Amino acid sequence: MSIKNQIVSIIFIIFNASFFTSASAKETKKTETEAKFSLKKELTTKFNVSQISFTNWAKGGDNTIAYNSGLVAGLKKNHPQYNWNLHGNFLFGQTKQGDSGLRNTLDKIDIDANITIKEKKYMNPYFSFTLDSQFAKGYDYKKEPPVAKSGFWDPAYVVESAGSGIIVGSNFQTKFGIAVKETFTRNFRQYSDDGKTLDKKEWLKVEPGLNSRTDFIYHFNHKIKVSSKLILFSNLEAFNAIDMRWDSNFQMKLAKYISVDLSLFALYDKDVSLKTQIRQFLGIGFNYSFF
């Protein structure tokens, strides 16, 4: 082969190598972009149970059985111009001690939907909808017999909000806007009653106001996850009438299907109680993710 032909061959090889390298890089970038803006799905189930029994036990004790179950489901879409998120968190648990009947320990329906328009780097318009309620009747077990205090959709809190949000990376975002809060009841109308109308008890209370929400989520690694959500609502009537819902969770995987869950929920709503209500839960149990 002549020198001329060798030079032509080398140029041809270099050209083809450059072409395929460029095409491969473009394909990789396209794949990464598609993954970034693809629809993300979440469906996770949780279940844990504990039991203890005594027979001829001299030191005393009560037979006890307790279980807690949960379902977390969500859809998330990140688009170059907007992103939307639909998330649901459902919990239910009961315990039985001694001769007493089953008692509810966990009962939660939490649905959240929102869409954010990406106008600027930090300030982005948003629209959101939240729903909070429970599955079964809740009782005051300190009284004998136990007194029913709440039930399914009794009460149910619905909040629609629109405003502007700040997004800092993928871990932190905060939003502030105008809102409308609706409180629905069926039988327990103390949650929705308007104290100004003495002749009747309303089944629906509508409160316009301002709403603030801050979300934080961080994955230390593929086994440890921390999340926190703080929601504030004010009907602008008084400073001590600001409603607060603070929900924090810690999850650590011990094995493929075994995890530790620690949650802390703080609630202040003057219409329900003048004191801050706190619920803490710690459990080790089965955890399975479908996606």
Protein backbone atom coordinates (compact mmCIF):
# COMPACT_ATOMS: atom_id res chain seq x y z
CA MET A 1 0.00 0.00 0.00
CA SER A 2 1.37 3.40 -0.96
CA ILE A 3 1.96 6.16 1.57
CA LYS A 4 -0.90 8.13 0.04
CA ASN A 5 -3.33 5.27 0.55
CA GLN A 6 -2.09 4.77 4.12
CA ILE A 7 -2.72 8.44 4.93
CA VAL A 8 -6.23 8.26 3.45
CA SER A 9 -6.97 5.14 5.49
CA ILE A 10 -5.77 6.77 8.73
CA ILE A 11 -7.88 9.87 8.07
CA PHE A 12 -10.91 7.67 7.35
CA ILE A 13 -10.42 5.72 10.61
CA ILE A 14 -10.02 8.90 12.66
CA PHE A 15 -13.13 10.45 11.07
CA ASN A 16 -15.25 7.39 11.78
CA ALA A 17 -13.96 7.11 15.35
CA SER A 18 -14.78 10.78 15.96
CA PHE A 19 -18.24 10.38 14.43
CA PHE A 20 -19.16 7.35 16.51
CA THR A 21 -17.72 8.90 19.69
CA SER A 22 -19.79 12.05 19.10
CA ALA A 23 -22.91 10.00 18.37
CA SER A 24 -22.36 7.92 21.50
CA ALA A 25 -21.94 11.06 23.64
CA LYS A 26 -25.14 12.56 22.20
CA GLU A 27 -27.01 9.31 22.85
CA THR A 28 -25.72 9.20 26.45
CA LYS A 29 -26.76 12.83 27.00
CA LYS A 30 -30.17 12.12 25.51
CA THR A 31 -30.60 9.11 27.80
CA GLU A 32 -29.61 11.16 30.86
CA THR A 33 -32.06 13.92 29.88
CA GLU A 34 -34.88 11.43 29.38
CA ALA A 35 -34.15 9.88 32.78
CA LYS A 36 -34.14 13.32 34.45
CA PHE A 37 -37.53 14.27 33.02
CA SER A 38 -39.16 10.82 33.12
CA LEU A 39 -42.21 9.94 35.20
CA LYS A 40 -41.14 8.63 38.61
CA LYS A 41 -43.36 6.18 40.47
CA GLU A 42 -43.41 5.16 44.11
CA LEU A 43 -45.36 2.39 45.84
CA THR A 44 -44.14 1.10 49.20
CA THR A 45 -45.90 -1.05 51.79
CA LYS A 46 -44.99 -1.34 55.46
CA PHE A 47 -46.11 -3.77 58.13
CA ASN A 48 -44.89 -4.67 61.60
CA VAL A 49 -46.42 -6.68 64.42
CA SER A 50 -45.47 -7.43 68.04
CA GLN A 51 -46.97 -9.90 70.52
CA ILE A 52 -46.36 -11.02 74.08
CA SER A 53 -48.32 -13.43 76.28
CA PHE A 54 -48.05 -14.64 79.90
CA THR A 55 -49.01 -17.92 81.55
CA ASN A 56 -48.64 -18.34 85.31
CA TRP A 57 -46.26 -15.39 85.32
CA ALA A 58 -45.63 -14.44 88.96
CA LYS A 59 -44.36 -10.92 88.26
CA GLY A 60 -47.56 -9.94 86.46
CA GLY A 61 -48.23 -8.54 83.00
CA ASP A 62 -50.89 -8.38 80.31
CA ASN A 63 -51.10 -10.27 77.04
CA THR A 64 -50.51 -7.74 74.27
CA ILE A 65 -50.61 -7.73 70.50
CA ALA A 66 -50.05 -4.71 68.26
CA TYR A 67 -49.70 -4.09 64.54
CA ASN A 68 -49.04 -1.13 62.27
CA SER A 69 -49.42 -0.95 58.51
CA GLY A 70 -48.70 1.71 55.94
CA LEU A 71 -48.81 2.49 52.25
CA VAL A 72 -46.88 5.25 50.48
CA ALA A 73 -47.76 5.95 46.85
CA GLY A 74 -46.69 8.70 44.51
CA LEU A 75 -46.23 9.97 40.97
CA LYS A 76 -43.74 12.70 40.08
CA LYS A 77 -43.02 14.37 36.75
CA ASN A 78 -40.15 16.79 36.23
CA HIS A 79 -40.57 18.78 32.99
CA PRO A 80 -38.26 21.55 31.73
CA GLN A 81 -41.09 24.12 32.13
CA TYR A 82 -42.90 22.66 35.15
CA ASN A 83 -43.10 19.77 37.58
CA TRP A 84 -46.04 18.10 39.25
CA ASN A 85 -46.30 15.73 42.15
CA LEU A 86 -49.06 13.48 43.52
CA HIS A 87 -48.32 11.83 46.84
CA GLY A 88 -50.30 9.76 49.33
CA ASN A 89 -49.36 8.51 52.79
CA PHE A 90 -51.74 6.08 54.52
CA LEU A 91 -51.23 4.60 58.01
CA PHE A 92 -53.30 2.42 60.28
CA GLY A 93 -52.45 0.54 63.46
CA GLN A 94 -54.14 -1.05 66.46
CA THR A 95 -53.21 -2.65 69.76
CA LYS A 96 -54.95 -5.03 72.16
CA GLN A 97 -53.87 -5.35 75.77
CA GLY A 98 -55.32 -7.80 78.26
CA ASP A 99 -59.10 -8.08 78.14
CA SER A 100 -59.61 -4.70 76.50
CA GLY A 101 -60.75 -4.48 72.90
CA LEU A 102 -58.72 -3.31 69.95
CA ARG A 103 -57.61 0.31 70.21
CA ASN A 104 -56.45 2.53 67.38
CA THR A 105 -52.87 3.78 67.63
CA LEU A 106 -52.22 5.07 64.10
CA ASP A 107 -54.80 6.38 61.65
CA LYS A 108 -53.83 8.70 58.83
CA ILE A 109 -54.97 9.69 55.34
CA ASP A 110 -52.64 12.28 53.82
CA ILE A 111 -52.98 13.20 50.13
CA ASP A 112 -50.98 15.98 48.49
CA ALA A 113 -51.06 17.22 44.88
CA ASN A 114 -49.17 20.21 43.50
CA ILE A 115 -47.81 21.71 40.30
CA THR A 116 -44.97 24.23 40.07
CA ILE A 117 -44.26 26.43 37.05
CA LYS A 118 -40.54 26.98 36.46
CA GLU A 119 -40.42 30.71 35.76
CA LYS A 120 -37.18 31.63 37.48
CA LYS A 121 -34.36 29.89 39.30
CA TYR A 122 -35.73 30.54 42.79
CA MET A 123 -39.23 32.08 42.50
CA ASN A 124 -41.78 29.77 40.90
CA PRO A 125 -45.61 29.98 40.88
CA TYR A 126 -47.38 26.95 42.32
CA PHE A 127 -50.84 25.49 42.87
CA SER A 128 -51.48 22.85 45.53
CA PHE A 129 -54.20 20.69 47.08
CA THR A 130 -53.97 18.77 50.36
CA LEU A 131 -56.37 16.41 52.12
CA ASP A 132 -56.04 15.09 55.69
CA SER A 133 -58.44 12.67 57.37
CA GLN A 134 -58.59 9.18 58.92
CA PHE A 135 -60.02 5.70 58.26
CA ALA A 136 -61.84 4.75 61.47
CA LYS A 137 -63.37 6.18 64.62
CA GLY A 138 -61.00 7.68 67.14
CA TYR A 139 -61.71 7.35 70.87
CA ASP A 140 -60.69 8.98 74.11
CA TYR A 141 -59.56 5.84 75.96
CA LYS A 142 -58.95 7.70 79.21
CA LYS A 143 -62.70 7.70 79.78
CA GLU A 144 -64.73 4.62 80.69
CA PRO A 145 -66.37 3.61 78.50
CA PRO A 146 -64.22 5.15 75.70
CA VAL A 147 -65.82 8.18 74.05
CA ALA A 148 -65.77 8.61 70.26
CA LYS A 149 -64.04 11.84 69.22
CA SER A 150 -63.59 11.55 65.43
CA GLY A 151 -64.21 9.28 62.43
CA PHE A 152 -63.75 8.81 58.71
CA TRP A 153 -64.14 12.18 56.97
CA ASP A 154 -65.05 13.50 60.40
CA PRO A 155 -63.18 15.78 60.35
CA ALA A 156 -61.50 16.10 56.96
CA TYR A 157 -59.29 19.06 56.16
CA VAL A 158 -58.92 20.28 52.58
CA VAL A 159 -56.60 23.16 51.69
CA GLU A 160 -56.20 24.76 48.26
CA SER A 161 -53.30 27.16 47.88
CA ALA A 162 -51.63 29.27 45.18
CA GLY A 163 -48.55 31.45 45.40
CA SER A 164 -44.82 31.40 44.79
CA GLY A 165 -42.13 28.97 45.86
CA ILE A 166 -38.38 28.81 46.25
CA ILE A 167 -36.60 25.61 45.22
CA VAL A 168 -33.05 25.04 46.43
CA GLY A 169 -31.60 21.95 44.78
CA SER A 170 -33.52 18.69 45.03
CA ASN A 171 -33.62 18.60 48.84
CA PHE A 172 -35.29 21.81 49.98
CA GLN A 173 -38.23 23.94 48.91
CA THR A 174 -40.53 26.43 50.58
CA LYS A 175 -43.80 27.96 49.38
CA PHE A 176 -45.98 30.87 50.45
CA GLY A 177 -49.36 31.95 49.11
CA ILE A 178 -53.04 32.60 49.59
CA ALA A 179 -55.18 29.65 50.61
CA VAL A 180 -58.66 28.41 51.42
CA LYS A 181 -59.10 25.81 54.17
CA GLU A 182 -62.27 23.73 54.37
CA THR A 183 -63.15 21.60 57.39
CA PHE A 184 -65.74 18.88 56.66
CA THR A 185 -67.58 16.91 59.35
CA ARG A 186 -70.48 14.47 59.62
CA ASN A 187 -71.25 13.74 63.28
CA PHE A 188 -68.49 15.49 65.22
CA ARG A 189 -69.35 19.04 64.28
CA GLN A 190 -67.31 20.67 67.02
CA TYR A 191 -64.48 20.83 64.46
CA SER A 192 -66.52 22.77 61.88
CA ASP A 193 -68.98 24.67 64.06
CA ASP A 194 -69.14 28.44 63.83
CA GLY A 195 -69.38 29.67 67.41
CA LYS A 196 -71.19 32.81 66.25
CA THR A 197 -74.27 30.83 65.20
CA LEU A 198 -75.77 29.45 68.41
CA ASP A 199 -78.89 27.97 66.83
CA LYS A 200 -77.11 25.39 64.66
CA LYS A 201 -73.87 23.44 64.19
CA GLU A 202 -72.42 23.68 60.68
CA TRP A 203 -70.98 20.62 58.89
CA LEU A 204 -68.61 22.80 56.84
CA LYS A 205 -66.26 25.61 57.82
CA VAL A 206 -64.49 27.67 55.14
CA GLU A 207 -61.52 29.83 56.12
CA PRO A 208 -59.62 32.03 53.64
CA GLY A 209 -56.11 32.99 54.65
CA LEU A 210 -52.39 32.57 54.05
CA ASN A 211 -50.49 29.31 53.77
CA SER A 212 -46.82 28.42 54.11
CA ARG A 213 -45.18 25.08 53.42
CA THR A 214 -41.57 23.93 53.72
CA ASP A 215 -40.31 20.51 52.57
CA PHE A 216 -36.94 18.93 53.24
CA ILE A 217 -35.78 15.51 52.11
CA TYR A 218 -32.29 14.05 52.21
CA HIS A 219 -30.86 10.65 51.33
CA PHE A 220 -27.65 9.99 53.27
CA ASN A 221 -27.21 6.88 51.15
CA HIS A 222 -29.44 4.21 49.63
CA LYS A 223 -30.30 2.96 53.14
CA ILE A 224 -30.99 6.10 55.20
CA LYS A 225 -33.61 8.75 54.38
CA VAL A 226 -34.78 11.79 56.36
CA SER A 227 -37.80 13.94 55.45
CA SER A 228 -39.67 16.78 57.10
CA LYS A 229 -42.76 18.81 56.16
CA LEU A 230 -43.93 21.96 57.95
CA ILE A 231 -47.28 23.53 57.03
CA LEU A 232 -48.60 26.77 58.55
CA PHE A 233 -52.03 28.28 57.93
CA SER A 234 -53.46 31.54 59.23
CA ASN A 235 -56.99 32.85 58.81
CA LEU A 236 -55.59 36.30 59.75
CA GLU A 237 -57.89 36.60 62.76
CA ALA A 238 -55.28 36.25 65.51
CA PHE A 239 -51.64 35.23 65.97
CA ASN A 240 -52.55 32.29 68.23
CA ALA A 241 -54.97 31.04 65.55
CA ILE A 242 -52.12 29.92 63.26
CA ASP A 243 -52.52 26.21 62.51
CA MET A 244 -49.33 24.13 62.42
CA ARG A 245 -48.70 20.64 61.05
CA TRP A 246 -45.12 19.35 61.33
CA ASP A 247 -44.44 15.84 60.07
CA SER A 248 -40.90 14.42 60.28
CA ASN A 249 -39.73 10.92 59.36
CA PHE A 250 -36.54 8.90 59.59
CA GLN A 251 -36.15 5.59 57.75
CA MET A 252 -33.21 3.20 57.75
CA LYS A 253 -33.01 -0.12 55.91
CA LEU A 254 -31.54 -2.93 57.99
CA ALA A 255 -31.93 -5.52 55.25
CA LYS A 256 -33.56 -5.77 51.84
CA TYR A 257 -37.10 -5.97 53.26
CA ILE A 258 -36.56 -4.88 56.88
CA SER A 259 -36.46 -1.25 57.97
CA VAL A 260 -36.61 1.00 61.04
CA ASP A 261 -39.17 3.82 60.92
CA LEU A 262 -39.22 6.76 63.32
CA SER A 263 -41.85 9.48 62.91
CA LEU A 264 -42.74 12.58 64.87
CA PHE A 265 -45.95 14.49 64.18
CA ALA A 266 -46.78 17.78 65.89
CA LEU A 267 -50.15 19.50 65.45
CA TYR A 268 -51.55 22.78 66.71
CA ASP A 269 -55.09 23.80 65.83
CA LYS A 270 -56.88 26.13 68.23
CA ASP A 271 -60.26 24.85 67.06
CA VAL A 272 -59.31 21.34 68.25
CA SER A 273 -57.12 21.96 71.31
CA LEU A 274 -55.35 24.87 72.96
CA LYS A 275 -52.30 22.63 73.48
CA THR A 276 -49.81 21.35 70.92
CA GLN A 277 -50.57 17.71 70.14
CA ILE A 278 -47.62 15.33 69.56
CA ARG A 279 -47.58 11.77 68.20
CA GLN A 280 -44.36 9.72 68.06
CA PHE A 281 -43.92 6.31 66.48
CA LEU A 282 -40.99 3.89 66.34
CA GLY A 283 -41.23 0.57 64.58
CA ILE A 284 -39.16 -2.20 62.98
CA GLY A 285 -40.85 -4.28 60.34
CA PHE A 286 -41.42 -5.43 56.79
CA ASN A 287 -40.92 -2.89 54.01
CA TYR A 288 -41.38 -3.62 50.31
CA SER A 289 -41.07 -1.21 47.35
CA PHE A 290 -42.76 -2.13 44.07
CA PHE A 291 -40.79 0.48 42.08
